[in-house]
Amino acid sequence: MRENSDLDENLIGEAMKIGGFKTKRDAVNHALKEYVRRNKQLGILDLFGKVEYREDYDYKRVRGWRRA
């Protein structure tokens, strides 16, 4: 799917220079991937205070870890 977008040429040029990208497409794709990745990470913050931990949970026992 081809899309013609009105992008800020100065911003694209700066992104290409900073990122070492040879094409506008590479610069835009990298920026979109970074945007999605960062927003997924921010979604993790919504979990704070919602996860309950059991004080008596022993992860080593569940894994089969034994003391020598």
N, C-alpha and C. Protein backbone atom coordinates (compact mmCIF):
# COMPACT_ATOMS: atom_id res chain seq x y z
N MET A 1 0.85 -1.18 0.00
CA MET A 1 0.00 0.00 0.00
C MET A 1 0.89 1.24 0.00
N ARG A 2 0.80 2.02 -1.01
CA ARG A 2 1.58 3.25 -1.09
C ARG A 2 0.76 4.38 -0.52
N GLU A 3 1.45 5.23 0.20
CA GLU A 3 0.78 6.35 0.85
C GLU A 3 1.62 7.59 0.64
N ASN A 4 1.02 8.62 0.14
CA ASN A 4 1.70 9.90 0.04
C ASN A 4 1.35 10.71 1.27
N SER A 5 2.37 11.07 2.02
CA SER A 5 2.13 11.82 3.24
C SER A 5 2.87 13.14 3.18
N ASP A 6 2.30 14.11 3.85
CA ASP A 6 2.93 15.41 3.95
C ASP A 6 3.82 15.39 5.18
N LEU A 7 5.08 15.03 5.00
CA LEU A 7 6.00 14.93 6.11
C LEU A 7 6.93 16.14 6.13
N ASP A 8 7.37 16.49 7.31
CA ASP A 8 8.30 17.60 7.49
C ASP A 8 9.66 17.18 6.93
N GLU A 9 10.03 17.75 5.80
CA GLU A 9 11.27 17.38 5.12
C GLU A 9 12.50 17.66 5.98
N ASN A 10 12.47 18.74 6.75
CA ASN A 10 13.60 19.06 7.62
C ASN A 10 13.76 18.00 8.71
N LEU A 11 12.64 17.58 9.26
CA LEU A 11 12.66 16.56 10.31
C LEU A 11 13.12 15.22 9.76
N ILE A 12 12.63 14.86 8.59
CA ILE A 12 13.06 13.62 7.95
C ILE A 12 14.56 13.67 7.65
N GLY A 13 15.02 14.79 7.15
CA GLY A 13 16.44 14.95 6.84
C GLY A 13 17.30 14.83 8.08
N GLU A 14 16.85 15.42 9.17
CA GLU A 14 17.59 15.34 10.43
C GLU A 14 17.62 13.90 10.95
N ALA A 15 16.49 13.21 10.87
CA ALA A 15 16.42 11.81 11.31
C ALA A 15 17.34 10.93 10.46
N MET A 16 17.38 11.18 9.16
CA MET A 16 18.25 10.41 8.28
C MET A 16 19.71 10.63 8.63
N LYS A 17 20.06 11.88 8.90
CA LYS A 17 21.44 12.22 9.24
C LYS A 17 21.85 11.60 10.57
N ILE A 18 21.03 11.79 11.60
CA ILE A 18 21.34 11.28 12.93
C ILE A 18 21.39 9.76 12.94
N GLY A 19 20.42 9.13 12.29
CA GLY A 19 20.33 7.67 12.30
C GLY A 19 21.18 6.99 11.25
N GLY A 20 21.76 7.76 10.34
CA GLY A 20 22.58 7.17 9.29
C GLY A 20 21.75 6.42 8.26
N PHE A 21 20.51 6.83 8.07
CA PHE A 21 19.63 6.16 7.12
C PHE A 21 19.88 6.71 5.72
N LYS A 22 19.78 5.83 4.73
CA LYS A 22 20.02 6.23 3.34
C LYS A 22 18.73 6.65 2.65
N THR A 23 17.59 6.19 3.18
CA THR A 23 16.32 6.53 2.54
C THR A 23 15.34 7.08 3.57
N LYS A 24 14.39 7.85 3.06
CA LYS A 24 13.33 8.37 3.92
C LYS A 24 12.52 7.22 4.50
N ARG A 25 12.29 6.21 3.67
CA ARG A 25 11.51 5.05 4.09
C ARG A 25 12.14 4.39 5.31
N ASP A 26 13.46 4.20 5.27
CA ASP A 26 14.16 3.58 6.41
C ASP A 26 14.02 4.42 7.67
N ALA A 27 14.15 5.73 7.52
CA ALA A 27 14.04 6.63 8.67
C ALA A 27 12.64 6.57 9.28
N VAL A 28 11.62 6.61 8.42
CA VAL A 28 10.24 6.60 8.91
C VAL A 28 9.90 5.24 9.53
N ASN A 29 10.31 4.15 8.89
CA ASN A 29 10.03 2.83 9.45
C ASN A 29 10.70 2.65 10.81
N HIS A 30 11.94 3.11 10.94
CA HIS A 30 12.64 3.01 12.22
C HIS A 30 11.91 3.83 13.29
N ALA A 31 11.49 5.03 12.93
CA ALA A 31 10.78 5.90 13.88
C ALA A 31 9.47 5.26 14.32
N LEU A 32 8.75 4.65 13.40
CA LEU A 32 7.48 4.00 13.75
C LEU A 32 7.70 2.79 14.66
N LYS A 33 8.72 2.00 14.37
CA LYS A 33 9.03 0.85 15.22
C LYS A 33 9.39 1.30 16.63
N GLU A 34 10.19 2.36 16.73
CA GLU A 34 10.58 2.90 18.03
C GLU A 34 9.37 3.43 18.79
N TYR A 35 8.48 4.11 18.09
CA TYR A 35 7.26 4.64 18.69
C TYR A 35 6.40 3.52 19.28
N VAL A 36 6.20 2.47 18.50
CA VAL A 36 5.39 1.34 18.95
C VAL A 36 6.05 0.65 20.15
N ARG A 37 7.37 0.42 20.07
CA ARG A 37 8.10 -0.24 21.15
C ARG A 37 7.99 0.55 22.45
N ARG A 38 8.19 1.85 22.38
CA ARG A 38 8.13 2.69 23.59
C ARG A 38 6.72 2.71 24.19
N ASN A 39 5.72 2.76 23.36
CA ASN A 39 4.35 2.79 23.89
C ASN A 39 3.95 1.46 24.50
N LYS A 40 4.48 0.35 23.97
CA LYS A 40 4.23 -0.95 24.60
C LYS A 40 4.89 -0.99 25.97
N GLN A 41 6.09 -0.44 26.07
CA GLN A 41 6.78 -0.40 27.35
C GLN A 41 5.99 0.43 28.36
N LEU A 42 5.43 1.53 27.93
CA LEU A 42 4.65 2.37 28.83
C LEU A 42 3.41 1.65 29.32
N GLY A 43 2.88 0.72 28.53
CA GLY A 43 1.73 -0.06 28.94
C GLY A 43 2.02 -0.91 30.15
N ILE A 44 3.27 -1.27 30.33
CA ILE A 44 3.66 -2.06 31.50
C ILE A 44 3.43 -1.27 32.79
N LEU A 45 3.59 0.04 32.71
CA LEU A 45 3.41 0.88 33.88
C LEU A 45 1.99 0.78 34.44
N ASP A 46 1.04 0.45 33.58
CA ASP A 46 -0.34 0.29 34.03
C ASP A 46 -0.51 -0.88 34.99
N LEU A 47 0.44 -1.80 34.98
CA LEU A 47 0.34 -2.98 35.84
C LEU A 47 0.78 -2.71 37.28
N PHE A 48 1.51 -1.62 37.49
CA PHE A 48 1.97 -1.32 38.85
C PHE A 48 0.79 -1.19 39.79
N GLY A 49 0.88 -1.92 40.89
CA GLY A 49 -0.18 -1.91 41.89
C GLY A 49 -1.29 -2.90 41.61
N LYS A 50 -1.25 -3.57 40.48
CA LYS A 50 -2.30 -4.52 40.12
C LYS A 50 -1.86 -5.97 40.28
N VAL A 51 -0.56 -6.19 40.39
CA VAL A 51 -0.04 -7.55 40.53
C VAL A 51 0.12 -7.85 42.01
N GLU A 52 -0.48 -8.95 42.43
CA GLU A 52 -0.38 -9.34 43.83
C GLU A 52 0.66 -10.43 43.98
N TYR A 53 1.48 -10.29 45.02
CA TYR A 53 2.53 -11.26 45.30
C TYR A 53 2.23 -11.99 46.59
N ARG A 54 2.54 -13.26 46.58
CA ARG A 54 2.40 -14.05 47.81
C ARG A 54 3.75 -14.04 48.51
N GLU A 55 3.74 -13.65 49.76
CA GLU A 55 4.97 -13.58 50.53
C GLU A 55 5.61 -14.96 50.70
N ASP A 56 4.80 -16.02 50.72
CA ASP A 56 5.32 -17.36 50.97
C ASP A 56 5.69 -18.12 49.68
N TYR A 57 5.62 -17.48 48.54
CA TYR A 57 5.94 -18.14 47.28
C TYR A 57 7.45 -18.39 47.18
N ASP A 58 7.82 -19.62 46.86
CA ASP A 58 9.23 -19.99 46.76
C ASP A 58 9.51 -20.41 45.33
N TYR A 59 10.04 -19.48 44.53
CA TYR A 59 10.28 -19.78 43.12
C TYR A 59 11.33 -20.87 42.94
N LYS A 60 12.26 -20.98 43.86
CA LYS A 60 13.31 -22.01 43.73
C LYS A 60 12.70 -23.41 43.89
N ARG A 61 11.75 -23.55 44.78
CA ARG A 61 11.10 -24.84 44.98
C ARG A 61 10.32 -25.25 43.74
N VAL A 62 9.65 -24.32 43.14
CA VAL A 62 8.85 -24.59 41.95
C VAL A 62 9.74 -25.02 40.78
N ARG A 63 10.92 -24.46 40.69
CA ARG A 63 11.86 -24.82 39.62
C ARG A 63 12.57 -26.13 39.87
N GLY A 64 12.44 -26.65 41.06
CA GLY A 64 13.11 -27.91 41.37
C GLY A 64 14.51 -27.72 41.91
N TRP A 65 14.86 -26.47 42.27
CA TRP A 65 16.18 -26.15 42.79
C TRP A 65 16.32 -26.73 44.19
N ARG A 66 17.44 -27.36 44.44
CA ARG A 66 17.67 -27.95 45.77
C ARG A 66 18.98 -27.46 46.33
N ARG A 67 19.02 -27.30 47.63
CA ARG A 67 20.27 -26.91 48.28
C ARG A 67 21.16 -28.12 48.44
N ALA A 68 22.43 -27.88 48.31
CA ALA A 68 23.40 -28.97 48.45
C ALA A 68 23.71 -29.26 49.90
